């Protein structure tokens, strides 16, 4: 696999996370730290699935733990501040990308039983090729959270 799109998506996300004046979501959604914690959880699970496939097991992917607020708070508490969270996201994304770069076509095509929720809505409940899980991060998941971060920018009167 080629992880260049995923690496690029994470570069954009980390640029957005580094912006000053990221406030709370207007709709009561996640703040920047919760978004970063969510990504850490998803990336660790995805890397574990990929390594499981390489090891010859047939793992499953279920993103519910990465949506659990208790788990997100636990992840946040393990970091001193947002910069530490961002550093962890950067290093873990690099690990995931390194794993993806080493996947051959056979491993990338292994079907992984997957359960994906978003905003309490079932998005996927079927086997997905491992490459599809990883490419989905680059194509949809990370860019979606990048936009979520950008939407958290607090504007002051007279500034856009």
Foldseek 3Di string as FASTA:
>chain_A
DACPLVLVLLVLLLVLLPDPAQAAFPVRDDGSLLLLLLLLQQLVQLQVCLVCLVVPHAAAEESPCSVDVVSSVVSSVVAPDSVRSSVSSNVSSVVSNVSVVPDDPVQQQDWHQYWDDDPNHTDDGGTDGSVCSSVCCSPPVSNVVSVVSNSRHDDDPPGD
